[in-house]
Structure formats: C-alpha cells, structure tokens
C-alpha cells in the first residue's frame, strides 16, 4: 500500500489520548490514526447509506430503531474487547 506522510496538529489533550490509545493497542500512532480514519470513513459511508435508504423508503420505525440499537450495543461490546486486546504481529 502506498503511503503519504502528513503533518498534523492536535490539541495537546487529544494528542495525549491518541498516544495513550495507540500504546494500549501496541500500535504506532500512525497505525492507530490510520485505523481511526478508516473507521470514520466507514461511519460516514454508513450514514450516507442510511440517508439514501430513508429518502427512498421513509424513516425507520421505533421498533426498527430499537432492534438496531440492541444490535449496536452487542457490536460495541465485541469491539471494546478487541480494542483492549493488543495485536500480535507475525514475525517477518
């Protein structure tokens, strides 16, 4: 994968959080930020898909929203567990 070096400026408290979160995952800051950017990109695409769906079929019912919230809560639990587990890198 081709890469491009960027220089960014973050508020000090956010930079400290990013460094801590990366360290907790056993990742370099660049790798952690890459994952965060990919997650944000997926989130943005999902919101666009939801907006498109609702434009065509109407807003979700309360029952549909409740089911989606339950599914998300379950996924959040799995994702939180994965975030707390450092990645193991295969030896080259």
C-alpha atoms as a PDB file:
ATOM      1  CA  UNK A   1       0.000   0.000   0.000  1.00  0.00           C
ATOM      2  CA  UNK A   2       1.368   3.402  -0.945  1.00  0.00           C
ATOM      3  CA  UNK A   3       1.605   5.856   1.916  1.00  0.00           C
ATOM      4  CA  UNK A   4       1.742   9.625   2.211  1.00  0.00           C
ATOM      5  CA  UNK A   5       3.364  11.427   5.117  1.00  0.00           C
ATOM      6  CA  UNK A   6       1.236  14.106   6.757  1.00  0.00           C
ATOM      7  CA  UNK A   7       1.995  16.652   9.418  1.00  0.00           C
ATOM      8  CA  UNK A   8      -0.973  17.276  11.717  1.00  0.00           C
ATOM      9  CA  UNK A   9      -1.663  19.479  14.694  1.00  0.00           C
ATOM     10  CA  UNK A  10      -3.920  18.284  17.506  1.00  0.00           C
ATOM     11  CA  UNK A  11      -4.961  19.861  20.784  1.00  0.00           C
ATOM     12  CA  UNK A  12      -2.493  18.669  23.443  1.00  0.00           C
ATOM     13  CA  UNK A  13      -5.069  16.680  25.421  1.00  0.00           C
ATOM     14  CA  UNK A  14      -6.285  14.884  22.294  1.00  0.00           C
ATOM     15  CA  UNK A  15      -2.705  14.140  21.203  1.00  0.00           C
ATOM     16  CA  UNK A  16      -2.034  12.604  24.618  1.00  0.00           C
ATOM     17  CA  UNK A  17      -5.190  10.486  24.316  1.00  0.00           C
ATOM     18  CA  UNK A  18      -4.161   9.291  20.846  1.00  0.00           C
ATOM     19  CA  UNK A  19      -0.682   8.370  22.081  1.00  0.00           C
ATOM     20  CA  UNK A  20      -2.129   6.507  25.072  1.00  0.00           C
ATOM     21  CA  UNK A  21      -4.711   4.653  22.989  1.00  0.00           C
ATOM     22  CA  UNK A  22      -2.097   3.644  20.423  1.00  0.00           C
ATOM     23  CA  UNK A  23       0.263   2.465  23.165  1.00  0.00           C
ATOM     24  CA  UNK A  24      -2.536   0.438  24.808  1.00  0.00           C
ATOM     25  CA  UNK A  25      -3.144  -1.334  21.483  1.00  0.00           C
ATOM     26  CA  UNK A  26       0.543  -1.876  20.848  1.00  0.00           C
ATOM     27  CA  UNK A  27       0.366   0.291  17.725  1.00  0.00           C
ATOM     28  CA  UNK A  28       2.395   3.175  16.395  1.00  0.00           C
ATOM     29  CA  UNK A  29       0.468   6.454  16.426  1.00  0.00           C
ATOM     30  CA  UNK A  30       0.381   6.405  12.604  1.00  0.00           C
ATOM     31  CA  UNK A  31      -1.179   2.930  12.590  1.00  0.00           C
ATOM     32  CA  UNK A  32      -3.745   3.918  15.219  1.00  0.00           C
ATOM     33  CA  UNK A  33      -4.662   7.086  13.303  1.00  0.00           C
ATOM     34  CA  UNK A  34      -4.954   5.044  10.099  1.00  0.00           C
ATOM     35  CA  UNK A  35      -7.440   2.716  11.802  1.00  0.00           C
ATOM     36  CA  UNK A  36      -9.355   5.685  13.241  1.00  0.00           C
ATOM     37  CA  UNK A  37      -9.547   7.358   9.818  1.00  0.00           C
ATOM     38  CA  UNK A  38     -10.727   4.116   8.187  1.00  0.00           C
ATOM     39  CA  UNK A  39     -13.393   3.736  10.872  1.00  0.00           C
ATOM     40  CA  UNK A  40     -14.534   7.346  10.352  1.00  0.00           C
ATOM     41  CA  UNK A  41     -14.693   6.748   6.592  1.00  0.00           C
ATOM     42  CA  UNK A  42     -16.875   3.643   7.099  1.00  0.00           C
ATOM     43  CA  UNK A  43     -19.087   5.575   9.526  1.00  0.00           C
ATOM     44  CA  UNK A  44     -19.558   8.397   7.018  1.00  0.00           C
ATOM     45  CA  UNK A  45     -20.465   5.886   4.272  1.00  0.00           C
ATOM     46  CA  UNK A  46     -22.951   4.161   6.594  1.00  0.00           C
ATOM     47  CA  UNK A  47     -24.645   7.470   7.441  1.00  0.00           C
ATOM     48  CA  UNK A  48     -24.912   8.285   3.730  1.00  0.00           C
ATOM     49  CA  UNK A  49     -26.434   4.845   3.041  1.00  0.00           C
ATOM     50  CA  UNK A  50     -28.972   5.341   5.838  1.00  0.00           C
ATOM     51  CA  UNK A  51     -29.923   8.765   4.477  1.00  0.00           C
ATOM     52  CA  UNK A  52     -30.347   7.306   0.979  1.00  0.00           C
ATOM     53  CA  UNK A  53     -32.466   4.433   2.324  1.00  0.00           C
ATOM     54  CA  UNK A  54     -34.705   6.774   4.315  1.00  0.00           C
ATOM     55  CA  UNK A  55     -35.077   9.124   1.350  1.00  0.00           C
ATOM     56  CA  UNK A  56     -36.416   6.191  -0.700  1.00  0.00           C
ATOM     57  CA  UNK A  57     -38.390   4.210   1.898  1.00  0.00           C
ATOM     58  CA  UNK A  58     -39.134   6.657   4.726  1.00  0.00           C
ATOM     59  CA  UNK A  59     -37.872   6.911   8.269  1.00  0.00           C
ATOM     60  CA  UNK A  60     -37.256   3.849  10.415  1.00  0.00           C
ATOM     61  CA  UNK A  61     -39.998   2.776  12.829  1.00  0.00           C
ATOM     62  CA  UNK A  62     -39.421   2.820  16.581  1.00  0.00           C
ATOM     63  CA  UNK A  63     -39.275  -0.999  16.548  1.00  0.00           C
ATOM     64  CA  UNK A  64     -36.596  -0.958  13.819  1.00  0.00           C
ATOM     65  CA  UNK A  65     -34.589   1.643  15.744  1.00  0.00           C
ATOM     66  CA  UNK A  66     -34.840  -0.391  18.978  1.00  0.00           C
ATOM     67  CA  UNK A  67     -33.610  -3.522  17.184  1.00  0.00           C
ATOM     68  CA  UNK A  68     -30.735  -1.582  15.612  1.00  0.00           C
ATOM     69  CA  UNK A  69     -29.749  -0.123  18.995  1.00  0.00           C
ATOM     70  CA  UNK A  70     -29.669  -3.607  20.516  1.00  0.00           C
ATOM     71  CA  UNK A  71     -27.508  -4.864  17.654  1.00  0.00           C
ATOM     72  CA  UNK A  72     -25.136  -1.907  18.031  1.00  0.00           C
ATOM     73  CA  UNK A  73     -24.840  -2.434  21.779  1.00  0.00           C
ATOM     74  CA  UNK A  74     -23.833  -6.028  21.140  1.00  0.00           C
ATOM     75  CA  UNK A  75     -21.298  -4.987  18.490  1.00  0.00           C
ATOM     76  CA  UNK A  76     -19.891  -2.271  20.780  1.00  0.00           C
ATOM     77  CA  UNK A  77     -19.179  -4.899  23.420  1.00  0.00           C
ATOM     78  CA  UNK A  78     -17.257  -7.026  20.927  1.00  0.00           C
ATOM     79  CA  UNK A  79     -15.392  -4.002  19.525  1.00  0.00           C
ATOM     80  CA  UNK A  80     -14.419  -2.795  23.009  1.00  0.00           C
ATOM     81  CA  UNK A  81     -12.984  -6.218  23.800  1.00  0.00           C
ATOM     82  CA  UNK A  82     -10.977  -6.182  20.579  1.00  0.00           C
ATOM     83  CA  UNK A  83      -9.665  -2.669  21.249  1.00  0.00           C
ATOM     84  CA  UNK A  84      -8.350  -3.778  24.644  1.00  0.00           C
ATOM     85  CA  UNK A  85      -6.526  -6.741  23.122  1.00  0.00           C
ATOM     86  CA  UNK A  86      -3.094  -5.817  21.668  1.00  0.00           C
ATOM     87  CA  UNK A  87      -2.482  -7.077  18.173  1.00  0.00           C
ATOM     88  CA  UNK A  88       0.050  -9.797  17.652  1.00  0.00           C
ATOM     89  CA  UNK A  89       2.298  -9.180  14.673  1.00  0.00           C
ATOM     90  CA  UNK A  90       3.653 -12.181  12.803  1.00  0.00           C
ATOM     91  CA  UNK A  91       7.427 -12.450  12.666  1.00  0.00           C
ATOM     92  CA  UNK A  92       8.855 -11.496   9.286  1.00  0.00           C
END
